[in-house]
Amino acid sequence: MSDFNKDEYLNDLPDMDDLSGQAAPAAGADSAASAGSADKPAADTSAAQEASAADATAKSQDNGDAAAKGDADKSDKDGKDGDTLTPLGQAKKEAAEYLEALQRERAEFINFRNRAQKEQDRFRQHGIIDVLTALLPALDDIDRIREHSEMDDSFKAVANKIDKAFEKFGVEKFGEKGEDFDPTKHDAILHKPDPNAEKETVDTVVEAGYRIGDRVIRAARVVVASPQN
């Protein structure tokens, strides 16, 4: 075993100054690496925050635009509706409503007046028919007297006044000898053959017919001359 030489051992050890110079750069590198690692997450975090803020700003702007559009639409609608609420617009609206109501009332009144006029004419006609029906026997007697005997002037004047009175109320007397037979206005009480007849004609008027307008009050009662064949 060799003897331990203390002086040689100490001389072989590295100088502390050299060790301090080498350790410092290593420590600086580690610090730089650590600082780089720390700065990178911070930079990433800042970028994420900026992106989030940008998104929030964009969303806020979109919401603001939508709200502004909604307000604009509402304003337009309120403006349109508000036009009729102005004094002049309200007056025009009321005037139009009053005019429409007046026209409707006028049309209803005209219809009512027409119905009333028709009802009045109908009642008037019924009254004339009732009077005429009641006087038919007397009128038939006057016709017989005219046909079979001479009437004095006074009686003839009364008969003419009666005929004119009925004419005034629209009563028409019909049924004459020699006219064509019409079953819609003639009531044939007898058909007699006539060698000279070419078609059915009225040969004798037994009772005259009366009508008002197109309405036959009583058909004329007649004797009809018919062809022999």
C-alpha atoms as a PDB file:
ATOM      1  CA  MET A   1       0.000   0.000   0.000  1.00  0.00           C
ATOM      2  CA  SER A   2       1.416   3.405  -0.978  1.00  0.00           C
ATOM      3  CA  ASP A   3       1.513   6.214   1.471  1.00  0.00           C
ATOM      4  CA  PHE A   4      -1.188   8.859   1.143  1.00  0.00           C
ATOM      5  CA  ASN A   5       0.286  12.152   0.001  1.00  0.00           C
ATOM      6  CA  LYS A   6      -1.888  14.966   1.092  1.00  0.00           C
ATOM      7  CA  ASP A   7      -0.150  17.633  -0.977  1.00  0.00           C
ATOM      8  CA  GLU A   8      -0.543  15.684  -4.223  1.00  0.00           C
ATOM      9  CA  TYR A   9      -4.219  15.097  -3.587  1.00  0.00           C
ATOM     10  CA  LEU A  10      -4.861  18.720  -3.015  1.00  0.00           C
ATOM     11  CA  ASN A  11      -2.924  19.674  -6.100  1.00  0.00           C
ATOM     12  CA  ASP A  12      -5.032  17.341  -8.239  1.00  0.00           C
ATOM     13  CA  LEU A  13      -8.332  18.965  -7.197  1.00  0.00           C
ATOM     14  CA  PRO A  14      -9.832  21.527  -9.693  1.00  0.00           C
ATOM     15  CA  ASP A  15      -9.565  25.176  -8.913  1.00  0.00           C
ATOM     16  CA  MET A  16     -12.695  26.674  -7.317  1.00  0.00           C
ATOM     17  CA  ASP A  17     -12.486  29.670  -9.577  1.00  0.00           C
ATOM     18  CA  ASP A  18     -12.745  27.428 -12.624  1.00  0.00           C
ATOM     19  CA  LEU A  19     -15.688  25.644 -11.116  1.00  0.00           C
ATOM     20  CA  SER A  20     -17.426  28.970 -10.424  1.00  0.00           C
ATOM     21  CA  GLY A  21     -16.907  30.125 -14.030  1.00  0.00           C
ATOM     22  CA  GLN A  22     -18.365  26.929 -15.470  1.00  0.00           C
ATOM     23  CA  ALA A  23     -21.364  26.797 -13.151  1.00  0.00           C
ATOM     24  CA  ALA A  24     -22.417  30.335 -13.902  1.00  0.00           C
ATOM     25  CA  PRO A  25     -23.078  29.768 -17.589  1.00  0.00           C
ATOM     26  CA  ALA A  26     -25.003  26.621 -16.822  1.00  0.00           C
ATOM     27  CA  ALA A  27     -27.085  28.434 -14.338  1.00  0.00           C
ATOM     28  CA  GLY A  28     -27.678  31.238 -16.873  1.00  0.00           C
ATOM     29  CA  ALA A  29     -28.755  28.755 -19.490  1.00  0.00           C
ATOM     30  CA  ASP A  30     -31.113  27.091 -17.088  1.00  0.00           C
ATOM     31  CA  SER A  31     -32.501  30.450 -16.107  1.00  0.00           C
ATOM     32  CA  ALA A  32     -32.893  31.415 -19.752  1.00  0.00           C
ATOM     33  CA  ALA A  33     -34.620  28.149 -20.508  1.00  0.00           C
ATOM     34  CA  SER A  34     -36.856  28.605 -17.524  1.00  0.00           C
ATOM     35  CA  ALA A  35     -37.575  32.180 -18.523  1.00  0.00           C
ATOM     36  CA  GLY A  36     -38.326  31.059 -22.094  1.00  0.00           C
ATOM     37  CA  SER A  37     -40.664  28.390 -20.827  1.00  0.00           C
ATOM     38  CA  ALA A  38     -42.378  30.878 -18.554  1.00  0.00           C
ATOM     39  CA  ASP A  39     -42.670  33.502 -21.317  1.00  0.00           C
ATOM     40  CA  LYS A  40     -44.204  31.048 -23.812  1.00  0.00           C
ATOM     41  CA  PRO A  41     -47.216  30.079 -21.657  1.00  0.00           C
ATOM     42  CA  ALA A  42     -47.702  33.727 -20.811  1.00  0.00           C
ATOM     43  CA  ALA A  43     -47.643  34.630 -24.494  1.00  0.00           C
ATOM     44  CA  ASP A  44     -50.112  31.834 -25.287  1.00  0.00           C
ATOM     45  CA  THR A  45     -52.410  32.950 -22.486  1.00  0.00           C
ATOM     46  CA  SER A  46     -52.291  36.543 -23.699  1.00  0.00           C
ATOM     47  CA  ALA A  47     -53.095  35.468 -27.260  1.00  0.00           C
ATOM     48  CA  ALA A  48     -56.052  33.390 -26.020  1.00  0.00           C
ATOM     49  CA  GLN A  49     -57.341  36.294 -23.996  1.00  0.00           C
ATOM     50  CA  GLU A  50     -57.021  38.621 -26.990  1.00  0.00           C
ATOM     51  CA  ALA A  51     -58.874  36.095 -29.196  1.00  0.00           C
ATOM     52  CA  SER A  52     -61.615  35.708 -26.602  1.00  0.00           C
ATOM     53  CA  ALA A  53     -61.915  39.456 -26.284  1.00  0.00           C
ATOM     54  CA  ALA A  54     -62.111  39.772 -30.078  1.00  0.00           C
ATOM     55  CA  ASP A  55     -64.873  37.135 -30.206  1.00  0.00           C
ATOM     56  CA  ALA A  56     -66.771  38.874 -27.442  1.00  0.00           C
ATOM     57  CA  THR A  57     -66.426  42.163 -29.279  1.00  0.00           C
ATOM     58  CA  ALA A  58     -67.669  40.598 -32.526  1.00  0.00           C
ATOM     59  CA  LYS A  59     -70.617  38.990 -30.761  1.00  0.00           C
ATOM     60  CA  SER A  60     -71.423  42.242 -29.021  1.00  0.00           C
ATOM     61  CA  GLN A  61     -71.274  44.052 -32.340  1.00  0.00           C
ATOM     62  CA  ASP A  62     -73.559  41.453 -33.976  1.00  0.00           C
ATOM     63  CA  ASN A  63     -76.017  41.706 -31.096  1.00  0.00           C
ATOM     64  CA  GLY A  64     -75.839  45.459 -31.352  1.00  0.00           C
ATOM     65  CA  ASP A  65     -76.530  45.336 -35.089  1.00  0.00           C
ATOM     66  CA  ALA A  66     -79.493  42.975 -34.568  1.00  0.00           C
ATOM     67  CA  ALA A  67     -80.870  45.188 -31.837  1.00  0.00           C
ATOM     68  CA  ALA A  68     -80.394  48.241 -34.014  1.00  0.00           C
ATOM     69  CA  LYS A  69     -82.186  46.527 -36.904  1.00  0.00           C
ATOM     70  CA  GLY A  70     -85.026  45.496 -34.620  1.00  0.00           C
ATOM     71  CA  ASP A  71     -85.295  49.023 -33.318  1.00  0.00           C
ATOM     72  CA  ALA A  72     -85.261  50.362 -36.878  1.00  0.00           C
ATOM     73  CA  ASP A  73     -88.031  47.958 -37.949  1.00  0.00           C
ATOM     74  CA  LYS A  74     -90.044  48.835 -34.885  1.00  0.00           C
ATOM     75  CA  SER A  75     -89.500  52.501 -35.564  1.00  0.00           C
ATOM     76  CA  ASP A  76     -90.684  52.064 -39.161  1.00  0.00           C
ATOM     77  CA  LYS A  77     -93.760  50.195 -38.019  1.00  0.00           C
ATOM     78  CA  ASP A  78     -94.470  52.709 -35.308  1.00  0.00           C
ATOM     79  CA  GLY A  79     -93.982  55.434 -37.874  1.00  0.00           C
ATOM     80  CA  LYS A  80     -96.502  53.864 -40.246  1.00  0.00           C
ATOM     81  CA  ASP A  81     -99.015  53.276 -37.468  1.00  0.00           C
ATOM     82  CA  GLY A  82     -98.253  56.613 -36.023  1.00  0.00           C
ATOM     83  CA  ASP A  83     -99.306  58.364 -39.238  1.00  0.00           C
ATOM     84  CA  THR A  84    -102.953  57.406 -38.608  1.00  0.00           C
ATOM     85  CA  LEU A  85    -102.685  58.665 -35.089  1.00  0.00           C
ATOM     86  CA  THR A  86    -101.839  62.187 -36.124  1.00  0.00           C
ATOM     87  CA  PRO A  87    -104.728  64.659 -35.866  1.00  0.00           C
ATOM     88  CA  LEU A  88    -105.030  64.949 -39.643  1.00  0.00           C
ATOM     89  CA  GLY A  89    -104.760  61.186 -40.194  1.00  0.00           C
ATOM     90  CA  GLN A  90    -107.262  60.483 -37.426  1.00  0.00           C
ATOM     91  CA  ALA A  91    -109.664  63.031 -38.909  1.00  0.00           C
ATOM     92  CA  LYS A  92    -109.368  61.436 -42.361  1.00  0.00           C
ATOM     93  CA  LYS A  93    -109.939  57.990 -40.900  1.00  0.00           C
ATOM     94  CA  GLU A  94    -113.035  59.117 -39.040  1.00  0.00           C
ATOM     95  CA  ALA A  95    -114.323  60.912 -42.138  1.00  0.00           C
ATOM     96  CA  ALA A  96    -113.908  57.723 -44.200  1.00  0.00           C
ATOM     97  CA  GLU A  97    -115.713  55.695 -41.546  1.00  0.00           C
ATOM     98  CA  TYR A  98    -118.561  58.214 -41.389  1.00  0.00           C
ATOM     99  CA  LEU A  99    -118.830  58.250 -45.188  1.00  0.00           C
ATOM    100  CA  GLU A 100    -118.964  54.456 -45.332  1.00  0.00           C
ATOM    101  CA  ALA A 101    -121.610  54.350 -42.599  1.00  0.00           C
ATOM    102  CA  LEU A 102    -123.620  57.055 -44.394  1.00  0.00           C
ATOM    103  CA  GLN A 103    -123.482  55.187 -47.693  1.00  0.00           C
ATOM    104  CA  ARG A 104    -124.553  51.973 -45.989  1.00  0.00           C
ATOM    105  CA  GLU A 105    -127.438  53.730 -44.264  1.00  0.00           C
ATOM    106  CA  ARG A 106    -128.457  55.360 -47.546  1.00  0.00           C
ATOM    107  CA  ALA A 107    -128.477  52.004 -49.347  1.00  0.00           C
ATOM    108  CA  GLU A 108    -130.551  50.478 -46.564  1.00  0.00           C
ATOM    109  CA  PHE A 109    -132.972  53.398 -46.705  1.00  0.00           C
ATOM    110  CA  ILE A 110    -133.349  53.077 -50.493  1.00  0.00           C
ATOM    111  CA  ASN A 111    -134.056  49.351 -50.135  1.00  0.00           C
ATOM    112  CA  PHE A 112    -136.568  50.064 -47.391  1.00  0.00           C
ATOM    113  CA  ARG A 113    -138.247  52.743 -49.501  1.00  0.00           C
ATOM    114  CA  ASN A 114    -138.504  50.378 -52.472  1.00  0.00           C
ATOM    115  CA  ARG A 115    -139.961  47.626 -50.302  1.00  0.00           C
ATOM    116  CA  ALA A 116    -142.417  50.061 -48.769  1.00  0.00           C
ATOM    117  CA  GLN A 117    -143.452  51.285 -52.220  1.00  0.00           C
ATOM    118  CA  LYS A 118    -143.995  47.726 -53.422  1.00  0.00           C
ATOM    119  CA  GLU A 119    -146.019  46.919 -50.315  1.00  0.00           C
ATOM    120  CA  GLN A 120    -148.082  50.068 -50.821  1.00  0.00           C
ATOM    121  CA  ASP A 121    -148.759  49.202 -54.465  1.00  0.00           C
ATOM    122  CA  ARG A 122    -149.715  45.677 -53.484  1.00  0.00           C
ATOM    123  CA  PHE A 123    -152.129  46.848 -50.798  1.00  0.00           C
ATOM    124  CA  ARG A 124    -153.584  49.397 -53.206  1.00  0.00           C
ATOM    125  CA  GLN A 125    -154.096  46.719 -55.846  1.00  0.00           C
ATOM    126  CA  HIS A 126    -155.760  44.424 -53.343  1.00  0.00           C
ATOM    127  CA  GLY A 127    -158.147  47.240 -52.406  1.00  0.00           C
ATOM    128  CA  ILE A 128    -159.044  47.876 -56.050  1.00  0.00           C
ATOM    129  CA  ILE A 129    -159.575  44.153 -56.620  1.00  0.00           C
ATOM    130  CA  ASP A 130    -161.896  43.949 -53.626  1.00  0.00           C
ATOM    131  CA  VAL A 131    -163.988  46.906 -54.870  1.00  0.00           C
ATOM    132  CA  LEU A 132    -164.045  45.578 -58.442  1.00  0.00           C
ATOM    133  CA  THR A 133    -165.065  42.100 -57.325  1.00  0.00           C
ATOM    134  CA  ALA A 134    -167.890  43.555 -55.273  1.00  0.00           C
ATOM    135  CA  LEU A 135    -169.123  45.634 -58.251  1.00  0.00           C
ATOM    136  CA  LEU A 136    -168.837  42.907 -60.926  1.00  0.00           C
ATOM    137  CA  PRO A 137    -172.534  41.948 -60.852  1.00  0.00           C
ATOM    138  CA  ALA A 138    -173.558  45.583 -61.340  1.00  0.00           C
ATOM    139  CA  LEU A 139    -171.042  46.022 -64.142  1.00  0.00           C
ATOM    140  CA  ASP A 140    -172.409  42.892 -65.888  1.00  0.00           C
ATOM    141  CA  ASP A 141    -175.938  44.308 -65.679  1.00  0.00           C
ATOM    142  CA  ILE A 142    -174.779  47.580 -67.235  1.00  0.00           C
ATOM    143  CA  ASP A 143    -173.187  45.647 -70.105  1.00  0.00           C
ATOM    144  CA  ARG A 144    -176.393  43.675 -70.716  1.00  0.00           C
ATOM    145  CA  ILE A 145    -178.437  46.847 -70.793  1.00  0.00           C
ATOM    146  CA  ARG A 146    -176.030  48.343 -73.294  1.00  0.00           C
ATOM    147  CA  GLU A 147    -176.245  45.300 -75.525  1.00  0.00           C
ATOM    148  CA  HIS A 148    -179.977  44.577 -75.452  1.00  0.00           C
ATOM    149  CA  SER A 149    -181.681  47.893 -74.905  1.00  0.00           C
ATOM    150  CA  GLU A 150    -181.348  51.565 -75.438  1.00  0.00           C
ATOM    151  CA  MET A 151    -179.895  53.550 -72.560  1.00  0.00           C
ATOM    152  CA  ASP A 152    -181.017  57.085 -71.862  1.00  0.00           C
ATOM    153  CA  ASP A 153    -178.435  59.807 -71.694  1.00  0.00           C
ATOM    154  CA  SER A 154    -178.333  60.054 -67.913  1.00  0.00           C
ATOM    155  CA  PHE A 155    -177.811  56.316 -67.386  1.00  0.00           C
ATOM    156  CA  LYS A 156    -175.234  56.217 -70.144  1.00  0.00           C
ATOM    157  CA  ALA A 157    -173.333  59.073 -68.484  1.00  0.00           C
ATOM    158  CA  VAL A 158    -173.238  57.201 -65.149  1.00  0.00           C
ATOM    159  CA  ALA A 159    -172.008  53.999 -66.818  1.00  0.00           C
ATOM    160  CA  ASN A 160    -169.252  55.915 -68.614  1.00  0.00           C
ATOM    161  CA  LYS A 161    -168.111  57.512 -65.343  1.00  0.00           C
ATOM    162  CA  ILE A 162    -167.839  54.097 -63.724  1.00  0.00           C
ATOM    163  CA  ASP A 163    -165.769  52.773 -66.620  1.00  0.00           C
ATOM    164  CA  LYS A 164    -163.426  55.795 -66.470  1.00  0.00           C
ATOM    165  CA  ALA A 165    -163.038  55.456 -62.710  1.00  0.00           C
ATOM    166  CA  PHE A 166    -161.861  51.864 -63.077  1.00  0.00           C
ATOM    167  CA  GLU A 167    -159.556  52.833 -65.923  1.00  0.00           C
ATOM    168  CA  LYS A 168    -158.019  55.467 -63.629  1.00  0.00           C
ATOM    169  CA  PHE A 169    -157.078  52.742 -61.165  1.00  0.00           C
ATOM    170  CA  GLY A 170    -155.549  50.578 -63.894  1.00  0.00           C
ATOM    171  CA  VAL A 171    -158.496  48.253 -64.436  1.00  0.00           C
ATOM    172  CA  GLU A 172    -158.745  47.060 -68.030  1.00  0.00           C
ATOM    173  CA  LYS A 173    -161.884  45.550 -69.518  1.00  0.00           C
ATOM    174  CA  PHE A 174    -161.448  42.920 -72.229  1.00  0.00           C
ATOM    175  CA  GLY A 175    -163.499  40.459 -74.289  1.00  0.00           C
ATOM    176  CA  GLU A 176    -164.808  41.435 -77.714  1.00  0.00           C
ATOM    177  CA  LYS A 177    -166.764  39.537 -80.331  1.00  0.00           C
ATOM    178  CA  GLY A 178    -164.586  38.314 -83.226  1.00  0.00           C
ATOM    179  CA  GLU A 179    -161.245  38.229 -81.348  1.00  0.00           C
ATOM    180  CA  ASP A 180    -159.156  35.042 -81.240  1.00  0.00           C
ATOM    181  CA  PHE A 181    -159.968  32.640 -78.473  1.00  0.00           C
ATOM    182  CA  ASP A 182    -157.263  32.628 -75.758  1.00  0.00           C
ATOM    183  CA  PRO A 183    -157.759  30.112 -72.949  1.00  0.00           C
ATOM    184  CA  THR A 184    -155.526  32.200 -70.655  1.00  0.00           C
ATOM    185  CA  LYS A 185    -158.064  35.050 -70.611  1.00  0.00           C
ATOM    186  CA  HIS A 186    -161.255  33.497 -72.005  1.00  0.00           C
ATOM    187  CA  ASP A 187    -163.554  31.075 -70.238  1.00  0.00           C
ATOM    188  CA  ALA A 188    -165.424  29.140 -72.954  1.00  0.00           C
ATOM    189  CA  ILE A 189    -168.877  28.177 -71.711  1.00  0.00           C
ATOM    190  CA  LEU A 190    -169.866  26.769 -75.114  1.00  0.00           C
ATOM    191  CA  HIS A 191    -168.213  25.701 -78.354  1.00  0.00           C
ATOM    192  CA  LYS A 192    -170.430  25.815 -81.447  1.00  0.00           C
ATOM    193  CA  PRO A 193    -169.400  24.669 -84.915  1.00  0.00           C
ATOM    194  CA  ASP A 194    -169.255  27.399 -87.507  1.00  0.00           C
ATOM    195  CA  PRO A 195    -168.731  26.538 -91.209  1.00  0.00           C
ATOM    196  CA  ASN A 196    -167.276  29.988 -91.805  1.00  0.00           C
ATOM    197  CA  ALA A 197    -164.782  29.837 -88.947  1.00  0.00           C
ATOM    198  CA  GLU A 198    -161.165  29.082 -89.839  1.00  0.00           C
ATOM    199  CA  LYS A 199    -160.011  29.066 -86.208  1.00  0.00           C
ATOM    200  CA  GLU A 200    -161.569  29.375 -82.793  1.00  0.00           C
ATOM    201  CA  THR A 201    -162.918  32.887 -82.286  1.00  0.00           C
ATOM    202  CA  VAL A 202    -165.150  34.633 -79.771  1.00  0.00           C
ATOM    203  CA  ASP A 203    -168.738  34.545 -81.050  1.00  0.00           C
ATOM    204  CA  THR A 204    -170.579  35.981 -78.025  1.00  0.00           C
ATOM    205  CA  VAL A 205    -169.369  37.688 -74.832  1.00  0.00           C
ATOM    206  CA  VAL A 206    -171.553  36.617 -71.948  1.00  0.00           C
ATOM    207  CA  GLU A 207    -169.567  38.430 -69.250  1.00  0.00           C
ATOM    208  CA  ALA A 208    -166.635  40.766 -69.873  1.00  0.00           C
ATOM    209  CA  GLY A 209    -163.254  40.061 -68.359  1.00  0.00           C
ATOM    210  CA  TYR A 210    -161.221  42.400 -66.143  1.00  0.00           C
ATOM    211  CA  ARG A 211    -157.531  42.592 -65.341  1.00  0.00           C
ATOM    212  CA  ILE A 212    -154.993  44.864 -63.659  1.00  0.00           C
ATOM    213  CA  GLY A 213    -151.733  44.876 -65.515  1.00  0.00           C
ATOM    214  CA  ASP A 214    -150.856  41.235 -66.226  1.00  0.00           C
ATOM    215  CA  ARG A 215    -153.108  39.923 -63.476  1.00  0.00           C
ATOM    216  CA  VAL A 216    -156.489  38.654 -64.649  1.00  0.00           C
ATOM    217  CA  ILE A 217    -159.161  39.443 -62.076  1.00  0.00           C
ATOM    218  CA  ARG A 218    -161.835  37.569 -63.968  1.00  0.00           C
ATOM    219  CA  ALA A 219    -161.646  35.763 -67.291  1.00  0.00           C
ATOM    220  CA  ALA A 220    -164.171  36.720 -69.955  1.00  0.00           C
ATOM    221  CA  ARG A 221    -166.979  34.205 -70.265  1.00  0.00           C
ATOM    222  CA  VAL A 222    -167.627  33.630 -73.956  1.00  0.00           C
ATOM    223  CA  VAL A 223    -169.213  31.402 -76.583  1.00  0.00           C
ATOM    224  CA  VAL A 224    -166.581  30.124 -79.022  1.00  0.00           C
ATOM    225  CA  ALA A 225    -167.136  29.531 -82.712  1.00  0.00           C
ATOM    226  CA  SER A 226    -165.041  26.539 -83.803  1.00  0.00           C
ATOM    227  CA  PRO A 227    -164.275  25.122 -87.267  1.00  0.00           C
ATOM    228  CA  GLN A 228    -166.460  22.115 -88.150  1.00  0.00           C
ATOM    229  CA  ASN A 229    -163.489  19.802 -88.726  1.00  0.00           C
END
